[in-house]
Amino acid sequence: MNPVIETIRQRRSVRLYDSKPVPKELLETIVQAGNLAPSGANSQPWRFVVITDEGWRRKFAALAMPRYQKWLENAPELIRRTRANIDASVVDPVFYSAPAVVFVIGWGATGDYDCAMACQNIMLTARAEGVGSCWVYFGQLVLDDEEIRRALEIKDGEKVYGPIVLGYPQGQFPPGPPKRPPVVKWL
């Protein structure tokens, strides 16, 4: 099978990580893959902030936790039930204690589309290199904190896409969820 298609089939959202750090050179390769994503008029409307420092990761997690719990209180019952299973298996249900977090920060008219492709490149490259990943919406819950905004150097007009947590899975990569067949109309 084509190795690209095989990597796409094997990509999973990993939420249980080994504490082993991902080497900086490998993180650079993964981020470079994000940078190679297509963009409208080759505008490349993104930049990346990689957090590997344990102190910063703990700060992000500590800030996110009460915001996550408040969000969860107002979430639909189905989401609360699903998250209860996840929350019971991890100490940090936002960043999953992953050894690396990548914030993809973008801007511009096509940023919403272009940065999504950069995120997908990051996650596919991580999987191809044996590194787990998970796009974590809840990681954005810290963006109202001024110290975090300064650390990420978020400017007016910029948005965060991701963040994406990265690390080596605890044990094996999880099995994939069932997928419905594609809905396709042929003309």
N, C-alpha and C. Protein backbone atom coordinates (compact mmCIF):
# COMPACT_ATOMS: atom_id res chain seq x y z
N MET A 1 0.84 -1.19 0.00
CA MET A 1 0.00 0.00 0.00
C MET A 1 0.89 1.25 0.00
N ASN A 2 0.38 2.29 -0.59
CA ASN A 2 1.08 3.57 -0.62
C ASN A 2 1.34 4.03 0.83
N PRO A 3 2.59 4.43 1.15
CA PRO A 3 2.89 4.79 2.55
C PRO A 3 2.13 6.02 3.04
N VAL A 4 1.77 6.94 2.17
CA VAL A 4 1.00 8.11 2.60
C VAL A 4 -0.40 7.66 3.03
N ILE A 5 -1.02 6.84 2.22
CA ILE A 5 -2.36 6.34 2.56
C ILE A 5 -2.31 5.50 3.83
N GLU A 6 -1.28 4.71 3.97
CA GLU A 6 -1.13 3.89 5.18
C GLU A 6 -1.00 4.77 6.43
N THR A 7 -0.23 5.86 6.33
CA THR A 7 -0.09 6.78 7.46
C THR A 7 -1.42 7.43 7.79
N ILE A 8 -2.17 7.83 6.77
CA ILE A 8 -3.49 8.42 7.00
C ILE A 8 -4.39 7.42 7.72
N ARG A 9 -4.35 6.17 7.31
CA ARG A 9 -5.18 5.14 7.95
C ARG A 9 -4.75 4.86 9.39
N GLN A 10 -3.49 5.05 9.70
CA GLN A 10 -2.97 4.73 11.03
C GLN A 10 -3.03 5.91 12.01
N ARG A 11 -3.27 7.12 11.53
CA ARG A 11 -3.27 8.27 12.42
C ARG A 11 -4.41 8.14 13.42
N ARG A 12 -4.10 8.39 14.67
CA ARG A 12 -5.06 8.29 15.76
C ARG A 12 -4.87 9.47 16.70
N SER A 13 -5.93 9.82 17.42
CA SER A 13 -5.81 10.80 18.49
C SER A 13 -5.30 10.08 19.72
N VAL A 14 -4.10 10.43 20.14
CA VAL A 14 -3.46 9.78 21.29
C VAL A 14 -3.66 10.66 22.52
N ARG A 15 -4.14 10.05 23.60
CA ARG A 15 -4.39 10.80 24.83
C ARG A 15 -3.63 10.25 26.03
N LEU A 16 -2.89 9.17 25.84
CA LEU A 16 -2.05 8.62 26.90
C LEU A 16 -0.62 8.60 26.41
N TYR A 17 0.24 9.39 27.07
CA TYR A 17 1.61 9.56 26.62
C TYR A 17 2.62 9.05 27.62
N ASP A 18 3.70 8.51 27.09
CA ASP A 18 4.88 8.17 27.86
C ASP A 18 5.55 9.50 28.21
N SER A 19 6.30 9.55 29.28
CA SER A 19 6.97 10.80 29.67
C SER A 19 8.25 11.05 28.86
N LYS A 20 8.66 10.10 28.05
CA LYS A 20 9.88 10.23 27.25
C LYS A 20 9.76 11.44 26.31
N PRO A 21 10.72 12.37 26.35
CA PRO A 21 10.63 13.54 25.48
C PRO A 21 10.84 13.17 24.01
N VAL A 22 10.23 13.96 23.15
CA VAL A 22 10.44 13.82 21.71
C VAL A 22 11.69 14.65 21.38
N PRO A 23 12.68 14.05 20.73
CA PRO A 23 13.91 14.80 20.42
C PRO A 23 13.61 16.08 19.62
N LYS A 24 14.37 17.12 19.92
CA LYS A 24 14.17 18.41 19.27
C LYS A 24 14.26 18.29 17.75
N GLU A 25 15.19 17.48 17.25
CA GLU A 25 15.35 17.34 15.80
C GLU A 25 14.09 16.75 15.18
N LEU A 26 13.44 15.82 15.88
CA LEU A 26 12.22 15.22 15.37
C LEU A 26 11.07 16.24 15.42
N LEU A 27 11.00 17.02 16.49
CA LEU A 27 10.00 18.08 16.56
C LEU A 27 10.19 19.08 15.43
N GLU A 28 11.45 19.40 15.12
CA GLU A 28 11.72 20.31 14.01
C GLU A 28 11.23 19.73 12.69
N THR A 29 11.43 18.43 12.48
CA THR A 29 10.95 17.76 11.27
C THR A 29 9.43 17.84 11.19
N ILE A 30 8.77 17.60 12.31
CA ILE A 30 7.30 17.61 12.36
C ILE A 30 6.77 19.02 12.07
N VAL A 31 7.37 20.02 12.68
CA VAL A 31 6.94 21.40 12.45
C VAL A 31 7.23 21.82 11.01
N GLN A 32 8.36 21.41 10.49
CA GLN A 32 8.69 21.73 9.09
C GLN A 32 7.63 21.16 8.15
N ALA A 33 7.11 19.98 8.46
CA ALA A 33 6.04 19.40 7.64
C ALA A 33 4.80 20.30 7.68
N GLY A 34 4.51 20.86 8.85
CA GLY A 34 3.40 21.81 8.93
C GLY A 34 3.66 23.02 8.06
N ASN A 35 4.88 23.47 8.06
CA ASN A 35 5.25 24.64 7.26
C ASN A 35 5.16 24.37 5.76
N LEU A 36 5.20 23.11 5.36
CA LEU A 36 5.13 22.75 3.94
C LEU A 36 3.70 22.63 3.43
N ALA A 37 2.72 22.88 4.29
CA ALA A 37 1.32 22.77 3.88
C ALA A 37 1.01 23.79 2.78
N PRO A 38 0.02 23.47 1.95
CA PRO A 38 -0.40 24.46 0.94
C PRO A 38 -1.10 25.63 1.62
N SER A 39 -1.06 26.77 0.96
CA SER A 39 -1.76 27.95 1.46
C SER A 39 -2.17 28.83 0.29
N GLY A 40 -3.24 29.58 0.49
CA GLY A 40 -3.74 30.46 -0.56
C GLY A 40 -2.67 31.45 -1.00
N ALA A 41 -2.38 31.45 -2.30
CA ALA A 41 -1.37 32.33 -2.90
C ALA A 41 -0.01 32.16 -2.23
N ASN A 42 0.23 30.97 -1.68
CA ASN A 42 1.47 30.67 -0.94
C ASN A 42 1.75 31.71 0.15
N SER A 43 0.67 32.17 0.78
CA SER A 43 0.81 33.21 1.81
C SER A 43 1.46 32.72 3.09
N GLN A 44 1.37 31.41 3.35
CA GLN A 44 1.95 30.81 4.55
C GLN A 44 1.60 31.62 5.81
N PRO A 45 0.29 31.77 6.08
CA PRO A 45 -0.13 32.63 7.18
C PRO A 45 -0.08 31.95 8.54
N TRP A 46 1.08 31.47 8.91
CA TRP A 46 1.20 30.74 10.16
C TRP A 46 2.57 30.93 10.78
N ARG A 47 2.61 30.63 12.05
CA ARG A 47 3.86 30.49 12.78
C ARG A 47 3.59 29.44 13.86
N PHE A 48 4.66 28.96 14.46
CA PHE A 48 4.53 27.84 15.38
C PHE A 48 5.23 28.18 16.70
N VAL A 49 4.60 27.81 17.80
CA VAL A 49 5.22 27.91 19.11
C VAL A 49 5.23 26.49 19.67
N VAL A 50 6.42 25.98 19.97
CA VAL A 50 6.57 24.62 20.49
C VAL A 50 6.94 24.72 21.97
N ILE A 51 6.16 24.06 22.80
CA ILE A 51 6.39 24.09 24.24
C ILE A 51 6.84 22.70 24.68
N THR A 52 8.06 22.63 25.17
CA THR A 52 8.58 21.38 25.72
C THR A 52 9.00 21.55 27.18
N ASP A 53 9.17 22.78 27.62
CA ASP A 53 9.59 23.05 28.99
C ASP A 53 8.50 22.59 29.97
N GLU A 54 8.88 21.75 30.91
CA GLU A 54 7.91 21.17 31.84
C GLU A 54 7.21 22.24 32.67
N GLY A 55 7.92 23.28 33.08
CA GLY A 55 7.32 24.35 33.85
C GLY A 55 6.21 25.05 33.07
N TRP A 56 6.47 25.36 31.81
CA TRP A 56 5.45 25.99 30.97
C TRP A 56 4.29 25.04 30.72
N ARG A 57 4.59 23.77 30.48
CA ARG A 57 3.50 22.81 30.23
C ARG A 57 2.60 22.71 31.46
N ARG A 58 3.19 22.69 32.64
CA ARG A 58 2.39 22.62 33.88
C ARG A 58 1.55 23.88 34.06
N LYS A 59 2.13 25.03 33.73
CA LYS A 59 1.40 26.30 33.84
C LYS A 59 0.19 26.30 32.91
N PHE A 60 0.40 25.87 31.67
CA PHE A 60 -0.71 25.80 30.72
C PHE A 60 -1.80 24.86 31.25
N ALA A 61 -1.40 23.70 31.74
CA ALA A 61 -2.36 22.72 32.23
C ALA A 61 -3.12 23.25 33.45
N ALA A 62 -2.41 23.90 34.36
CA ALA A 62 -3.06 24.43 35.57
C ALA A 62 -4.07 25.52 35.22
N LEU A 63 -3.73 26.36 34.26
CA LEU A 63 -4.67 27.40 33.83
C LEU A 63 -5.87 26.81 33.09
N ALA A 64 -5.63 25.80 32.32
CA ALA A 64 -6.71 25.22 31.50
C ALA A 64 -7.71 24.43 32.32
N MET A 65 -7.28 23.78 33.38
CA MET A 65 -8.14 22.85 34.11
C MET A 65 -9.44 23.48 34.61
N PRO A 66 -9.41 24.61 35.35
CA PRO A 66 -10.70 25.16 35.82
C PRO A 66 -11.57 25.65 34.66
N ARG A 67 -10.96 26.14 33.60
CA ARG A 67 -11.73 26.58 32.44
C ARG A 67 -12.38 25.37 31.75
N TYR A 68 -11.63 24.28 31.67
CA TYR A 68 -12.16 23.05 31.09
C TYR A 68 -13.34 22.54 31.92
N GLN A 69 -13.19 22.52 33.24
CA GLN A 69 -14.26 22.02 34.11
C GLN A 69 -15.52 22.88 33.98
N LYS A 70 -15.33 24.19 33.86
CA LYS A 70 -16.48 25.08 33.68
C LYS A 70 -17.15 24.82 32.33
N TRP A 71 -16.34 24.64 31.29
CA TRP A 71 -16.87 24.34 29.96
C TRP A 71 -17.66 23.03 30.01
N LEU A 72 -17.11 22.04 30.69
CA LEU A 72 -17.72 20.71 30.76
C LEU A 72 -19.08 20.75 31.46
N GLU A 73 -19.22 21.61 32.46
CA GLU A 73 -20.50 21.73 33.17
C GLU A 73 -21.63 22.09 32.22
N ASN A 74 -21.31 22.87 31.20
CA ASN A 74 -22.34 23.35 30.27
C ASN A 74 -22.41 22.53 28.98
N ALA A 75 -21.61 21.50 28.88
CA ALA A 75 -21.58 20.67 27.67
C ALA A 75 -22.78 19.73 27.64
N PRO A 76 -23.19 19.32 26.45
CA PRO A 76 -24.28 18.34 26.35
C PRO A 76 -23.91 17.04 27.07
N GLU A 77 -24.94 16.32 27.50
CA GLU A 77 -24.76 15.09 28.27
C GLU A 77 -23.87 14.08 27.55
N LEU A 78 -24.06 13.91 26.26
CA LEU A 78 -23.25 12.95 25.50
C LEU A 78 -21.77 13.29 25.59
N ILE A 79 -21.43 14.55 25.49
CA ILE A 79 -20.02 14.97 25.59
C ILE A 79 -19.52 14.75 27.01
N ARG A 80 -20.33 15.07 28.01
CA ARG A 80 -19.90 14.84 29.40
C ARG A 80 -19.62 13.37 29.66
N ARG A 81 -20.48 12.47 29.13
CA ARG A 81 -20.25 11.03 29.30
C ARG A 81 -18.96 10.60 28.59
N THR A 82 -18.77 11.05 27.38
CA THR A 82 -17.56 10.69 26.63
C THR A 82 -16.33 11.21 27.33
N ARG A 83 -16.37 12.44 27.76
CA ARG A 83 -15.22 13.03 28.44
C ARG A 83 -14.97 12.37 29.79
N ALA A 84 -15.99 11.86 30.47
CA ALA A 84 -15.80 11.19 31.76
C ALA A 84 -14.88 9.99 31.60
N ASN A 85 -15.03 9.24 30.53
CA ASN A 85 -14.15 8.10 30.27
C ASN A 85 -12.70 8.55 30.07
N ILE A 86 -12.53 9.62 29.31
CA ILE A 86 -11.19 10.15 29.06
C ILE A 86 -10.60 10.71 30.35
N ASP A 87 -11.38 11.53 31.04
CA ASP A 87 -10.90 12.19 32.26
C ASP A 87 -10.47 11.20 33.34
N ALA A 88 -11.13 10.05 33.39
CA ALA A 88 -10.80 9.04 34.39
C ALA A 88 -9.44 8.39 34.13
N SER A 89 -8.95 8.49 32.90
CA SER A 89 -7.71 7.80 32.56
C SER A 89 -6.48 8.71 32.52
N VAL A 90 -6.67 10.02 32.72
CA VAL A 90 -5.54 10.95 32.63
C VAL A 90 -5.54 11.93 33.81
N VAL A 91 -4.36 12.45 34.12
CA VAL A 91 -4.24 13.48 35.16
C VAL A 91 -4.60 14.84 34.58
N ASP A 92 -4.20 15.08 33.34
CA ASP A 92 -4.39 16.36 32.66
C ASP A 92 -5.30 16.12 31.45
N PRO A 93 -6.62 16.38 31.58
CA PRO A 93 -7.53 16.09 30.48
C PRO A 93 -7.52 17.14 29.37
N VAL A 94 -6.65 18.11 29.45
CA VAL A 94 -6.57 19.14 28.42
C VAL A 94 -5.36 18.89 27.52
N PHE A 95 -4.17 18.85 28.11
CA PHE A 95 -2.95 18.64 27.34
C PHE A 95 -2.41 17.22 27.48
N TYR A 96 -3.09 16.38 28.25
CA TYR A 96 -2.78 14.97 28.40
C TYR A 96 -1.34 14.69 28.85
N SER A 97 -0.74 15.65 29.55
CA SER A 97 0.65 15.51 30.04
C SER A 97 1.62 15.14 28.92
N ALA A 98 1.30 15.55 27.72
CA ALA A 98 2.18 15.26 26.58
C ALA A 98 3.48 16.04 26.72
N PRO A 99 4.60 15.46 26.28
CA PRO A 99 5.89 16.12 26.42
C PRO A 99 6.11 17.32 25.50
N ALA A 100 5.24 17.50 24.50
CA ALA A 100 5.38 18.65 23.61
C ALA A 100 3.99 19.13 23.20
N VAL A 101 3.87 20.44 23.06
CA VAL A 101 2.64 21.06 22.59
C VAL A 101 3.03 22.04 21.50
N VAL A 102 2.34 21.97 20.37
CA VAL A 102 2.59 22.90 19.26
C VAL A 102 1.36 23.77 19.08
N PHE A 103 1.55 25.06 19.21
CA PHE A 103 0.51 26.02 18.90
C PHE A 103 0.76 26.50 17.47
N VAL A 104 -0.22 26.30 16.60
CA VAL A 104 -0.16 26.82 15.24
C VAL A 104 -0.94 28.12 15.29
N ILE A 105 -0.26 29.22 15.02
CA ILE A 105 -0.86 30.54 15.13
C ILE A 105 -0.92 31.14 13.72
N GLY A 106 -2.12 31.58 13.33
CA GLY A 106 -2.28 32.06 11.96
C GLY A 106 -3.10 33.33 11.87
N TRP A 107 -3.23 33.82 10.64
CA TRP A 107 -3.90 35.09 10.38
C TRP A 107 -4.34 35.12 8.92
N GLY A 108 -5.05 36.17 8.59
CA GLY A 108 -5.37 36.44 7.19
C GLY A 108 -6.64 35.80 6.69
N ALA A 109 -6.98 36.17 5.46
CA ALA A 109 -8.23 35.76 4.83
C ALA A 109 -8.35 34.25 4.68
N THR A 110 -7.25 33.57 4.45
CA THR A 110 -7.32 32.12 4.24
C THR A 110 -6.72 31.33 5.41
N GLY A 111 -6.43 32.02 6.49
CA GLY A 111 -5.80 31.36 7.65
C GLY A 111 -6.59 30.19 8.19
N ASP A 112 -7.93 30.32 8.24
CA ASP A 112 -8.74 29.21 8.78
C ASP A 112 -8.53 27.93 7.97
N TYR A 113 -8.39 28.05 6.68
CA TYR A 113 -8.21 26.88 5.82
C TYR A 113 -6.75 26.43 5.81
N ASP A 114 -5.87 27.38 5.63
CA ASP A 114 -4.45 27.05 5.49
C ASP A 114 -3.87 26.43 6.76
N CYS A 115 -4.22 27.01 7.91
CA CYS A 115 -3.67 26.50 9.17
C CYS A 115 -4.21 25.12 9.51
N ALA A 116 -5.43 24.83 9.08
CA ALA A 116 -5.96 23.47 9.29
C ALA A 116 -5.11 22.46 8.53
N MET A 117 -4.66 22.83 7.32
CA MET A 117 -3.81 21.92 6.56
C MET A 117 -2.44 21.78 7.21
N ALA A 118 -1.92 22.86 7.78
CA ALA A 118 -0.64 22.78 8.49
C ALA A 118 -0.77 21.84 9.69
N CYS A 119 -1.90 21.93 10.41
CA CYS A 119 -2.13 21.03 11.56
C CYS A 119 -2.18 19.58 11.10
N GLN A 120 -2.89 19.32 10.01
CA GLN A 120 -2.98 17.94 9.52
C GLN A 120 -1.61 17.42 9.11
N ASN A 121 -0.80 18.24 8.44
CA ASN A 121 0.56 17.81 8.08
C ASN A 121 1.36 17.45 9.33
N ILE A 122 1.21 18.24 10.38
CA ILE A 122 1.93 17.97 11.64
C ILE A 122 1.51 16.61 12.19
N MET A 123 0.21 16.36 12.24
CA MET A 123 -0.27 15.11 12.84
C MET A 123 0.09 13.89 11.99
N LEU A 124 0.02 14.03 10.67
CA LEU A 124 0.39 12.90 9.81
C LEU A 124 1.89 12.62 9.88
N THR A 125 2.69 13.66 9.90
CA THR A 125 4.14 13.46 10.00
C THR A 125 4.50 12.84 11.34
N ALA A 126 3.85 13.31 12.40
CA ALA A 126 4.10 12.72 13.72
C ALA A 126 3.83 11.22 13.66
N ARG A 127 2.70 10.83 13.11
CA ARG A 127 2.35 9.40 13.05
C ARG A 127 3.36 8.63 12.21
N ALA A 128 3.77 9.20 11.09
CA ALA A 128 4.74 8.53 10.22
C ALA A 128 6.06 8.31 10.95
N GLU A 129 6.35 9.17 11.94
CA GLU A 129 7.61 9.09 12.70
C GLU A 129 7.43 8.34 14.03
N GLY A 130 6.26 7.73 14.24
CA GLY A 130 6.03 6.96 15.46
C GLY A 130 5.68 7.81 16.67
N VAL A 131 5.29 9.05 16.44
CA VAL A 131 4.93 9.98 17.51
C VAL A 131 3.41 10.15 17.50
N GLY A 132 2.81 10.09 18.67
CA GLY A 132 1.38 10.30 18.77
C GLY A 132 1.04 11.78 18.79
N SER A 133 -0.19 12.09 18.42
CA SER A 133 -0.64 13.48 18.43
C SER A 133 -2.13 13.53 18.74
N CYS A 134 -2.56 14.70 19.16
CA CYS A 134 -3.98 14.95 19.36
C CYS A 134 -4.21 16.45 19.24
N TRP A 135 -5.15 16.83 18.39
CA TRP A 135 -5.55 18.22 18.29
C TRP A 135 -6.47 18.48 19.47
N VAL A 136 -6.15 19.48 20.31
CA VAL A 136 -6.90 19.69 21.55
C VAL A 136 -7.55 21.07 21.58
N TYR A 137 -8.82 21.09 21.26
CA TYR A 137 -9.58 22.34 21.32
C TYR A 137 -9.45 22.98 22.70
N PHE A 138 -9.53 22.17 23.73
CA PHE A 138 -9.53 22.69 25.10
C PHE A 138 -8.26 23.47 25.42
N GLY A 139 -7.19 23.21 24.68
CA GLY A 139 -5.95 23.95 24.88
C GLY A 139 -6.09 25.43 24.62
N GLN A 140 -7.12 25.80 23.86
CA GLN A 140 -7.35 27.21 23.59
C GLN A 140 -7.98 27.94 24.77
N LEU A 141 -8.42 27.20 25.76
CA LEU A 141 -9.09 27.81 26.90
C LEU A 141 -8.16 28.69 27.73
N VAL A 142 -6.87 28.60 27.51
CA VAL A 142 -5.91 29.41 28.27
C VAL A 142 -5.62 30.76 27.59
N LEU A 143 -6.19 30.98 26.43
CA LEU A 143 -5.82 32.15 25.64
C LEU A 143 -6.36 33.47 26.19
N ASP A 144 -7.21 33.41 27.22
CA ASP A 144 -7.68 34.65 27.84
C ASP A 144 -6.69 35.14 28.91
N ASP A 145 -5.66 34.35 29.20
CA ASP A 145 -4.66 34.73 30.20
C ASP A 145 -3.58 35.59 29.55
N GLU A 146 -3.37 36.77 30.09
CA GLU A 146 -2.43 37.72 29.47
C GLU A 146 -0.99 37.21 29.45
N GLU A 147 -0.56 36.52 30.50
CA GLU A 147 0.80 35.97 30.51
C GLU A 147 0.98 34.94 29.39
N ILE A 148 -0.03 34.12 29.19
CA ILE A 148 0.03 33.12 28.12
C ILE A 148 0.05 33.80 26.76
N ARG A 149 -0.79 34.80 26.58
CA ARG A 149 -0.81 35.53 25.29
C ARG A 149 0.55 36.17 25.02
N ARG A 150 1.17 36.70 26.07
CA ARG A 150 2.52 37.29 25.89
C ARG A 150 3.54 36.21 25.55
N ALA A 151 3.48 35.08 26.24
CA ALA A 151 4.43 33.99 25.99
C ALA A 151 4.30 33.48 24.55
N LEU A 152 3.06 33.39 24.06
CA LEU A 152 2.82 32.93 22.69
C LEU A 152 3.00 34.06 21.67
N GLU A 153 3.13 35.29 22.18
CA GLU A 153 3.29 36.48 21.34
C GLU A 153 2.13 36.63 20.35
N ILE A 154 0.93 36.44 20.86
CA ILE A 154 -0.26 36.55 20.02
C ILE A 154 -0.55 38.02 19.76
N LYS A 155 -0.65 38.35 18.49
CA LYS A 155 -0.90 39.74 18.06
C LYS A 155 -2.36 39.89 17.63
N ASP A 156 -2.80 41.14 17.52
CA ASP A 156 -4.15 41.39 17.02
C ASP A 156 -4.30 40.76 15.65
N GLY A 157 -5.45 40.13 15.43
CA GLY A 157 -5.72 39.51 14.15
C GLY A 157 -5.21 38.08 14.03
N GLU A 158 -4.50 37.58 15.04
CA GLU A 158 -4.00 36.21 14.99
C GLU A 158 -4.96 35.29 15.76
N LYS A 159 -5.02 34.05 15.30
CA LYS A 159 -5.82 33.01 15.96
C LYS A 159 -4.94 31.80 16.19
N VAL A 160 -5.32 31.02 17.19
CA VAL A 160 -4.62 29.77 17.46
C VAL A 160 -5.39 28.63 16.82
N TYR A 161 -4.68 27.81 16.08
CA TYR A 161 -5.24 26.60 15.47
C TYR A 161 -4.53 25.45 16.15
N GLY A 162 -5.29 24.56 16.69
CA GLY A 162 -4.74 23.55 17.57
C GLY A 162 -5.08 24.02 18.97
N PRO A 163 -4.23 23.85 19.93
CA PRO A 163 -2.89 23.29 19.83
C PRO A 163 -2.91 21.79 19.57
N ILE A 164 -1.74 21.30 19.24
CA ILE A 164 -1.55 19.88 18.99
C ILE A 164 -0.56 19.36 20.02
N VAL A 165 -0.95 18.33 20.75
CA VAL A 165 -0.02 17.71 21.70
C VAL A 165 0.70 16.57 20.98
N LEU A 166 1.97 16.38 21.35
CA LEU A 166 2.82 15.37 20.71
C LEU A 166 3.59 14.59 21.76
N GLY A 167 3.75 13.31 21.51
CA GLY A 167 4.55 12.48 22.40
C GLY A 167 4.46 11.03 21.98
N TYR A 168 5.24 10.21 22.64
CA TYR A 168 5.20 8.78 22.36
C TYR A 168 4.03 8.16 23.11
N PRO A 169 3.21 7.37 22.42
CA PRO A 169 2.06 6.76 23.09
C PRO A 169 2.49 5.84 24.22
N GLN A 170 1.67 5.81 25.26
CA GLN A 170 1.86 4.84 26.33
C GLN A 170 1.34 3.51 25.77
N GLY A 171 2.23 2.56 25.60
CA GLY A 171 1.82 1.30 24.97
C GLY A 171 1.71 1.47 23.47
N GLN A 172 0.67 0.91 22.91
CA GLN A 172 0.44 0.96 21.46
C GLN A 172 -0.40 2.18 21.08
N PHE A 173 -0.39 2.50 19.80
CA PHE A 173 -1.34 3.50 19.32
C PHE A 173 -2.74 2.94 19.53
N PRO A 174 -3.69 3.80 19.91
CA PRO A 174 -5.04 3.29 20.14
C PRO A 174 -5.68 2.81 18.84
N PRO A 175 -6.66 1.91 18.96
CA PRO A 175 -7.37 1.48 17.75
C PRO A 175 -8.20 2.64 17.20
N GLY A 176 -8.46 2.59 15.93
CA GLY A 176 -9.25 3.65 15.31
C GLY A 176 -10.73 3.49 15.59
N PRO A 177 -11.42 4.60 15.67
CA PRO A 177 -12.87 4.52 15.85
C PRO A 177 -13.51 4.07 14.54
N PRO A 178 -14.72 3.52 14.62
CA PRO A 178 -15.38 3.13 13.37
C PRO A 178 -15.68 4.38 12.54
N LYS A 179 -15.54 4.24 11.25
CA LYS A 179 -15.82 5.35 10.33
C LYS A 179 -16.99 4.95 9.43
N ARG A 180 -17.88 5.88 9.24
CA ARG A 180 -18.98 5.66 8.29
C ARG A 180 -18.41 5.68 6.88
N PRO A 181 -19.06 5.00 5.95
CA PRO A 181 -18.62 5.10 4.56
C PRO A 181 -18.79 6.55 4.08
N PRO A 182 -17.96 6.98 3.16
CA PRO A 182 -18.10 8.36 2.68
C PRO A 182 -19.41 8.56 1.92
N VAL A 183 -19.96 9.75 2.06
CA VAL A 183 -21.13 10.11 1.28
C VAL A 183 -20.59 10.78 0.03
N VAL A 184 -20.84 10.17 -1.11
CA VAL A 184 -20.28 10.65 -2.37
C VAL A 184 -21.38 10.73 -3.41
N LYS A 185 -21.40 11.80 -4.15
CA LYS A 185 -22.28 11.92 -5.32
C LYS A 185 -21.37 12.01 -6.54
N TRP A 186 -21.60 11.14 -7.47
CA TRP A 186 -20.82 11.13 -8.71
C TRP A 186 -21.67 11.77 -9.81
N LEU A 187 -21.08 12.64 -10.55
CA LEU A 187 -21.78 13.26 -11.69
C LEU A 187 -21.07 12.90 -12.98
